[in-house]
Amino acid sequence: MTVKSTMHQMLRRFEWSVPKNYRLQLTWGTGPMPADDLPIDMRARAQR
C-alpha cells in the first residue's frame, strides 16, 4: 500500500517523459525490465 500511495503522489506532482527517439529494450530478471535502466525526464507540474 505504501508503494501505491507513493506512486500516486509522484504521478500527481510530476510529468514523466522519455527521450523522443527512445526504443525500449527489455531484459529478463524476475520479469521483463528495461535493459538500459529506462532513461526518464521528470519535471514538477505547475502548481494550481
Protein backbone atom coordinates (compact mmCIF):
# COMPACT_ATOMS: atom_id res chain seq x y z
CA MET A 1 0.00 0.00 0.00
CA THR A 2 2.91 2.37 0.69
CA VAL A 3 4.27 1.96 -2.84
CA LYS A 4 0.83 2.62 -4.29
CA SER A 5 0.38 5.87 -2.34
CA THR A 6 3.93 6.99 -3.20
CA MET A 7 3.35 6.37 -6.92
CA HIS A 8 0.02 8.20 -6.71
CA GLN A 9 1.74 11.32 -5.35
CA MET A 10 4.58 11.12 -7.89
CA LEU A 11 2.13 10.84 -10.79
CA ARG A 12 0.14 13.81 -9.49
CA ARG A 13 3.16 16.06 -8.85
CA PHE A 14 5.46 15.27 -11.79
CA GLU A 15 5.34 14.90 -15.57
CA TRP A 16 7.38 11.98 -16.91
CA SER A 17 8.85 11.55 -20.40
CA VAL A 18 11.50 9.55 -22.22
CA PRO A 19 13.82 10.81 -25.00
CA LYS A 20 11.98 11.41 -28.28
CA ASN A 21 13.63 8.57 -30.26
CA TYR A 22 13.79 6.14 -27.33
CA ARG A 23 13.21 2.46 -28.14
CA LEU A 24 12.53 0.17 -25.21
CA GLN A 25 14.92 -2.77 -24.91
CA LEU A 26 13.92 -5.44 -22.42
CA THR A 27 15.94 -7.96 -20.46
CA TRP A 28 14.67 -10.67 -18.14
CA GLY A 29 15.11 -10.82 -14.39
CA THR A 30 12.18 -11.80 -12.20
CA GLY A 31 10.12 -10.34 -15.04
CA PRO A 32 10.71 -8.11 -18.05
CA MET A 33 12.63 -4.93 -17.23
CA PRO A 34 14.39 -2.19 -19.22
CA ALA A 35 17.91 -3.20 -20.27
CA ASP A 36 19.19 0.39 -20.08
CA ASP A 37 17.56 1.42 -16.78
CA LEU A 38 14.83 3.40 -18.62
CA PRO A 39 16.14 6.96 -19.00
CA ILE A 40 13.34 9.30 -17.90
CA ASP A 41 12.99 13.04 -17.52
CA MET A 42 10.87 14.16 -14.56
CA ARG A 43 9.61 17.72 -14.23
CA ALA A 44 7.50 19.17 -11.48
CA ARG A 45 4.00 20.08 -12.62
CA ALA A 46 2.93 23.70 -12.32
CA GLN A 47 1.18 24.43 -9.03
CA ARG A 48 -2.55 25.10 -9.31
